[in-house]
Amino acid sequence: MSNEMIVEVCYALPNAQTMIPVTLPIGATMRDAIERSGVLQRFPELDIARMKAGVFGKVRALDAAVDAGDRIEIYRALKADPKLARQRRVEKVRNEGSREGQKWLGSSRRAT
């Protein structure tokens, strides 16, 4: 039985994604994988002290152990609050006067 495992460290930008396979000793942590991958040097804007990361879409602490085959994902901060962005989209549709936008107004405010 081997004392090593392979994981993948992923970081996605709007126009490109980076996936780096990393060989680690059994019992290594998310922090170990991220540091060993070289992604911090490749993307200097990343700050390991403030970053959020996870495995297969589930946020995990950087000191959490990883398993062979894990895809460690480094998450970027959201550019807009999802709730606010949705409200803006609904307002835009309403202002355009489309039937789709009218269904959100409620029966008392609908134009007949």
N, C-alpha and C. Protein backbone atom coordinates (compact mmCIF):
# COMPACT_ATOMS: atom_id res chain seq x y z
N MET A 1 0.84 -1.18 0.00
CA MET A 1 0.00 0.00 0.00
C MET A 1 0.88 1.25 0.00
N SER A 2 0.55 2.20 -0.84
CA SER A 2 1.34 3.42 -0.98
C SER A 2 1.07 4.39 0.16
N ASN A 3 2.06 5.18 0.48
CA ASN A 3 1.92 6.21 1.50
C ASN A 3 1.58 7.56 0.89
N GLU A 4 1.28 7.57 -0.41
CA GLU A 4 0.96 8.81 -1.11
C GLU A 4 -0.39 8.72 -1.79
N MET A 5 -0.93 9.88 -2.09
CA MET A 5 -2.21 9.97 -2.80
C MET A 5 -2.13 11.15 -3.77
N ILE A 6 -3.02 11.13 -4.76
CA ILE A 6 -3.08 12.23 -5.72
C ILE A 6 -4.42 12.93 -5.56
N VAL A 7 -4.36 14.26 -5.46
CA VAL A 7 -5.55 15.11 -5.43
C VAL A 7 -5.40 16.15 -6.54
N GLU A 8 -6.44 16.89 -6.79
CA GLU A 8 -6.40 17.93 -7.82
C GLU A 8 -6.80 19.25 -7.18
N VAL A 9 -5.99 20.29 -7.40
CA VAL A 9 -6.30 21.63 -6.91
C VAL A 9 -6.80 22.45 -8.09
N CYS A 10 -7.99 23.05 -7.94
CA CYS A 10 -8.63 23.78 -9.03
C CYS A 10 -8.89 25.23 -8.63
N TYR A 11 -8.66 26.11 -9.59
CA TYR A 11 -8.98 27.53 -9.40
C TYR A 11 -9.52 28.03 -10.73
N ALA A 12 -10.69 28.64 -10.69
CA ALA A 12 -11.33 29.09 -11.93
C ALA A 12 -11.48 30.61 -11.94
N LEU A 13 -11.10 31.19 -13.05
CA LEU A 13 -11.35 32.60 -13.34
C LEU A 13 -12.47 32.66 -14.36
N PRO A 14 -13.05 33.83 -14.60
CA PRO A 14 -14.16 33.89 -15.56
C PRO A 14 -13.80 33.37 -16.95
N ASN A 15 -12.55 33.50 -17.35
CA ASN A 15 -12.18 33.11 -18.71
C ASN A 15 -11.26 31.89 -18.80
N ALA A 16 -10.88 31.32 -17.67
CA ALA A 16 -9.98 30.17 -17.71
C ALA A 16 -10.04 29.42 -16.38
N GLN A 17 -9.71 28.14 -16.44
CA GLN A 17 -9.63 27.38 -15.20
C GLN A 17 -8.31 26.63 -15.15
N THR A 18 -7.82 26.47 -13.93
CA THR A 18 -6.55 25.79 -13.70
C THR A 18 -6.80 24.57 -12.84
N MET A 19 -6.30 23.43 -13.29
CA MET A 19 -6.42 22.19 -12.53
C MET A 19 -5.02 21.59 -12.41
N ILE A 20 -4.56 21.45 -11.18
CA ILE A 20 -3.20 21.01 -10.93
C ILE A 20 -3.21 19.72 -10.11
N PRO A 21 -2.74 18.61 -10.68
CA PRO A 21 -2.63 17.38 -9.89
C PRO A 21 -1.47 17.50 -8.90
N VAL A 22 -1.70 17.03 -7.68
CA VAL A 22 -0.69 17.14 -6.62
C VAL A 22 -0.56 15.79 -5.92
N THR A 23 0.66 15.34 -5.72
CA THR A 23 0.92 14.12 -4.96
C THR A 23 1.24 14.52 -3.52
N LEU A 24 0.51 13.93 -2.59
CA LEU A 24 0.64 14.28 -1.17
C LEU A 24 0.78 13.01 -0.33
N PRO A 25 1.36 13.15 0.86
CA PRO A 25 1.37 12.00 1.78
C PRO A 25 -0.03 11.78 2.35
N ILE A 26 -0.35 10.56 2.70
CA ILE A 26 -1.62 10.25 3.34
C ILE A 26 -1.73 11.10 4.61
N GLY A 27 -2.90 11.68 4.85
CA GLY A 27 -3.12 12.51 6.03
C GLY A 27 -2.88 13.99 5.79
N ALA A 28 -2.52 14.37 4.56
CA ALA A 28 -2.28 15.78 4.24
C ALA A 28 -3.59 16.57 4.32
N THR A 29 -3.45 17.87 4.48
CA THR A 29 -4.62 18.75 4.62
C THR A 29 -4.86 19.53 3.34
N MET A 30 -5.99 20.23 3.33
CA MET A 30 -6.31 21.10 2.20
C MET A 30 -5.21 22.15 2.04
N ARG A 31 -4.76 22.72 3.15
CA ARG A 31 -3.69 23.73 3.11
C ARG A 31 -2.43 23.15 2.47
N ASP A 32 -2.06 21.94 2.84
CA ASP A 32 -0.88 21.29 2.26
C ASP A 32 -1.01 21.19 0.74
N ALA A 33 -2.18 20.76 0.28
CA ALA A 33 -2.41 20.58 -1.15
C ALA A 33 -2.32 21.91 -1.89
N ILE A 34 -2.95 22.94 -1.33
CA ILE A 34 -2.95 24.26 -1.98
C ILE A 34 -1.53 24.81 -2.04
N GLU A 35 -0.80 24.72 -0.94
CA GLU A 35 0.57 25.24 -0.91
C GLU A 35 1.48 24.47 -1.85
N ARG A 36 1.36 23.16 -1.88
CA ARG A 36 2.24 22.34 -2.72
C ARG A 36 1.90 22.47 -4.21
N SER A 37 0.68 22.85 -4.53
CA SER A 37 0.26 22.95 -5.94
C SER A 37 0.95 24.08 -6.70
N GLY A 38 1.40 25.11 -5.98
CA GLY A 38 2.00 26.27 -6.63
C GLY A 38 0.98 27.30 -7.09
N VAL A 39 -0.29 27.07 -6.81
CA VAL A 39 -1.34 27.99 -7.25
C VAL A 39 -1.19 29.37 -6.60
N LEU A 40 -0.66 29.42 -5.38
CA LEU A 40 -0.50 30.71 -4.70
C LEU A 40 0.56 31.58 -5.39
N GLN A 41 1.59 30.95 -5.94
CA GLN A 41 2.60 31.71 -6.67
C GLN A 41 2.08 32.10 -8.06
N ARG A 42 1.31 31.24 -8.64
CA ARG A 42 0.77 31.50 -9.98
C ARG A 42 -0.29 32.59 -9.98
N PHE A 43 -1.04 32.69 -8.89
CA PHE A 43 -2.09 33.70 -8.75
C PHE A 43 -1.84 34.47 -7.46
N PRO A 44 -0.99 35.50 -7.50
CA PRO A 44 -0.62 36.22 -6.28
C PRO A 44 -1.78 36.92 -5.57
N GLU A 45 -2.90 37.10 -6.26
CA GLU A 45 -4.05 37.74 -5.62
C GLU A 45 -4.71 36.83 -4.58
N LEU A 46 -4.39 35.55 -4.60
CA LEU A 46 -4.95 34.61 -3.63
C LEU A 46 -4.24 34.77 -2.29
N ASP A 47 -5.02 34.83 -1.23
CA ASP A 47 -4.50 34.95 0.13
C ASP A 47 -5.00 33.75 0.92
N ILE A 48 -4.11 32.84 1.23
CA ILE A 48 -4.53 31.61 1.90
C ILE A 48 -5.17 31.89 3.26
N ALA A 49 -4.84 33.00 3.89
CA ALA A 49 -5.41 33.33 5.19
C ALA A 49 -6.89 33.73 5.08
N ARG A 50 -7.31 34.20 3.89
CA ARG A 50 -8.69 34.68 3.73
C ARG A 50 -9.51 33.86 2.74
N MET A 51 -8.91 32.89 2.08
CA MET A 51 -9.62 32.17 1.02
C MET A 51 -10.61 31.16 1.57
N LYS A 52 -11.60 30.88 0.74
CA LYS A 52 -12.54 29.79 1.00
C LYS A 52 -12.21 28.69 0.01
N ALA A 53 -12.24 27.47 0.49
CA ALA A 53 -11.95 26.33 -0.38
C ALA A 53 -12.83 25.17 0.05
N GLY A 54 -12.97 24.22 -0.85
CA GLY A 54 -13.81 23.07 -0.54
C GLY A 54 -13.44 21.88 -1.40
N VAL A 55 -14.20 20.81 -1.21
CA VAL A 55 -14.00 19.58 -1.98
C VAL A 55 -15.33 19.24 -2.64
N PHE A 56 -15.31 19.15 -3.95
CA PHE A 56 -16.51 18.82 -4.73
C PHE A 56 -17.71 19.69 -4.34
N GLY A 57 -17.48 21.00 -4.23
CA GLY A 57 -18.57 21.95 -3.99
C GLY A 57 -18.98 22.13 -2.54
N LYS A 58 -18.33 21.48 -1.62
CA LYS A 58 -18.64 21.61 -0.19
C LYS A 58 -17.49 22.33 0.51
N VAL A 59 -17.78 23.48 1.11
CA VAL A 59 -16.74 24.25 1.80
C VAL A 59 -16.19 23.44 2.97
N ARG A 60 -14.86 23.47 3.08
CA ARG A 60 -14.18 22.77 4.18
C ARG A 60 -13.09 23.66 4.74
N ALA A 61 -12.74 23.42 5.98
CA ALA A 61 -11.65 24.16 6.62
C ALA A 61 -10.32 23.77 5.97
N LEU A 62 -9.38 24.70 5.96
CA LEU A 62 -8.09 24.42 5.35
C LEU A 62 -7.30 23.35 6.10
N ASP A 63 -7.63 23.13 7.37
CA ASP A 63 -6.92 22.10 8.12
C ASP A 63 -7.60 20.73 8.04
N ALA A 64 -8.64 20.62 7.20
CA ALA A 64 -9.33 19.33 7.00
C ALA A 64 -8.46 18.41 6.16
N ALA A 65 -8.46 17.15 6.51
CA ALA A 65 -7.69 16.15 5.76
C ALA A 65 -8.35 15.91 4.40
N VAL A 66 -7.53 15.59 3.42
CA VAL A 66 -8.05 15.28 2.08
C VAL A 66 -7.88 13.78 1.82
N ASP A 67 -8.66 13.29 0.88
CA ASP A 67 -8.60 11.88 0.49
C ASP A 67 -8.12 11.78 -0.95
N ALA A 68 -7.60 10.63 -1.30
CA ALA A 68 -7.15 10.39 -2.67
C ALA A 68 -8.30 10.66 -3.64
N GLY A 69 -8.00 11.37 -4.71
CA GLY A 69 -8.99 11.66 -5.74
C GLY A 69 -9.83 12.90 -5.48
N ASP A 70 -9.65 13.56 -4.33
CA ASP A 70 -10.42 14.78 -4.04
C ASP A 70 -10.08 15.88 -5.04
N ARG A 71 -11.11 16.67 -5.38
CA ARG A 71 -10.91 17.88 -6.19
C ARG A 71 -11.04 19.05 -5.23
N ILE A 72 -9.93 19.68 -4.92
CA ILE A 72 -9.90 20.81 -4.00
C ILE A 72 -10.14 22.07 -4.82
N GLU A 73 -11.22 22.76 -4.49
CA GLU A 73 -11.63 23.94 -5.26
C GLU A 73 -11.39 25.20 -4.44
N ILE A 74 -10.73 26.17 -5.04
CA ILE A 74 -10.52 27.46 -4.40
C ILE A 74 -11.60 28.39 -4.93
N TYR A 75 -12.38 28.96 -4.01
CA TYR A 75 -13.53 29.78 -4.39
C TYR A 75 -13.17 31.26 -4.40
N ARG A 76 -13.61 31.94 -5.44
CA ARG A 76 -13.45 33.39 -5.53
C ARG A 76 -14.62 34.05 -4.81
N ALA A 77 -14.41 35.28 -4.36
CA ALA A 77 -15.49 36.04 -3.73
C ALA A 77 -16.54 36.39 -4.79
N LEU A 78 -17.80 36.45 -4.38
CA LEU A 78 -18.86 36.83 -5.30
C LEU A 78 -18.73 38.31 -5.65
N LYS A 79 -19.00 38.64 -6.89
CA LYS A 79 -18.95 40.04 -7.31
C LYS A 79 -20.21 40.78 -6.92
N ALA A 80 -21.32 40.06 -6.78
CA ALA A 80 -22.60 40.68 -6.42
C ALA A 80 -23.34 39.75 -5.47
N ASP A 81 -24.10 40.33 -4.57
CA ASP A 81 -24.95 39.57 -3.68
C ASP A 81 -26.01 38.86 -4.52
N PRO A 82 -26.14 37.52 -4.43
CA PRO A 82 -27.09 36.79 -5.28
C PRO A 82 -28.53 37.29 -5.14
N LYS A 83 -28.95 37.63 -3.92
CA LYS A 83 -30.32 38.10 -3.71
C LYS A 83 -30.53 39.45 -4.41
N LEU A 84 -29.57 40.34 -4.27
CA LEU A 84 -29.67 41.65 -4.91
C LEU A 84 -29.64 41.52 -6.43
N ALA A 85 -28.80 40.64 -6.95
CA ALA A 85 -28.72 40.44 -8.40
C ALA A 85 -30.05 39.92 -8.95
N ARG A 86 -30.69 39.00 -8.23
CA ARG A 86 -31.99 38.49 -8.66
C ARG A 86 -33.04 39.59 -8.65
N GLN A 87 -33.03 40.42 -7.60
CA GLN A 87 -33.99 41.53 -7.52
C GLN A 87 -33.81 42.48 -8.70
N ARG A 88 -32.58 42.75 -9.06
CA ARG A 88 -32.31 43.64 -10.20
C ARG A 88 -32.81 43.04 -11.51
N ARG A 89 -32.63 41.72 -11.69
CA ARG A 89 -33.12 41.08 -12.90
C ARG A 89 -34.64 41.15 -12.98
N VAL A 90 -35.32 40.91 -11.86
CA VAL A 90 -36.78 40.97 -11.83
C VAL A 90 -37.25 42.38 -12.15
N GLU A 91 -36.62 43.39 -11.55
CA GLU A 91 -37.00 44.79 -11.82
C GLU A 91 -36.81 45.13 -13.30
N LYS A 92 -35.73 44.65 -13.89
CA LYS A 92 -35.48 44.92 -15.30
C LYS A 92 -36.59 44.34 -16.16
N VAL A 93 -36.98 43.10 -15.88
CA VAL A 93 -38.05 42.46 -16.65
C VAL A 93 -39.37 43.20 -16.44
N ARG A 94 -39.64 43.60 -15.21
CA ARG A 94 -40.87 44.35 -14.93
C ARG A 94 -40.90 45.66 -15.70
N ASN A 95 -39.79 46.37 -15.69
CA ASN A 95 -39.71 47.67 -16.35
C ASN A 95 -39.85 47.56 -17.86
N GLU A 96 -39.48 46.43 -18.41
CA GLU A 96 -39.63 46.23 -19.85
C GLU A 96 -41.07 45.92 -20.21
N GLY A 97 -41.91 45.67 -19.21
CA GLY A 97 -43.34 45.46 -19.45
C GLY A 97 -43.69 44.11 -20.02
N SER A 98 -42.82 43.14 -19.87
CA SER A 98 -43.14 41.83 -20.43
C SER A 98 -44.15 41.10 -19.55
N ARG A 99 -44.83 40.16 -20.14
CA ARG A 99 -45.80 39.35 -19.41
C ARG A 99 -45.10 38.56 -18.29
N GLU A 100 -43.91 38.10 -18.56
CA GLU A 100 -43.16 37.35 -17.56
C GLU A 100 -42.91 38.22 -16.32
N GLY A 101 -42.56 39.47 -16.51
CA GLY A 101 -42.32 40.37 -15.38
C GLY A 101 -43.58 40.69 -14.61
N GLN A 102 -44.72 40.71 -15.28
CA GLN A 102 -45.98 41.06 -14.63
C GLN A 102 -46.42 40.00 -13.62
N LYS A 103 -46.05 38.75 -13.83
CA LYS A 103 -46.53 37.69 -12.93
C LYS A 103 -45.99 37.86 -11.51
N TRP A 104 -44.92 38.60 -11.34
CA TRP A 104 -44.34 38.80 -10.01
C TRP A 104 -44.97 39.98 -9.27
N LEU A 105 -45.82 40.74 -9.93
CA LEU A 105 -46.39 41.93 -9.30
C LEU A 105 -47.53 41.61 -8.33
N GLY A 106 -48.18 40.51 -8.48
CA GLY A 106 -49.34 40.19 -7.64
C GLY A 106 -50.61 40.66 -8.32
N SER A 107 -51.73 40.06 -7.98
CA SER A 107 -52.99 40.32 -8.68
C SER A 107 -53.49 41.75 -8.50
N SER A 108 -53.19 42.40 -7.38
CA SER A 108 -53.72 43.74 -7.14
C SER A 108 -52.99 44.80 -7.96
N ARG A 109 -51.79 44.52 -8.44
CA ARG A 109 -51.01 45.52 -9.16
C ARG A 109 -50.93 45.25 -10.66
N ARG A 110 -51.48 44.14 -11.12
CA ARG A 110 -51.38 43.79 -12.53
C ARG A 110 -52.22 44.72 -13.39
N ALA A 111 -51.66 45.03 -14.53
CA ALA A 111 -52.42 45.82 -15.52
C ALA A 111 -53.39 44.90 -16.23
N THR A 112 -54.59 45.39 -16.51
CA THR A 112 -55.58 44.55 -17.19
C THR A 112 -55.71 44.93 -18.63
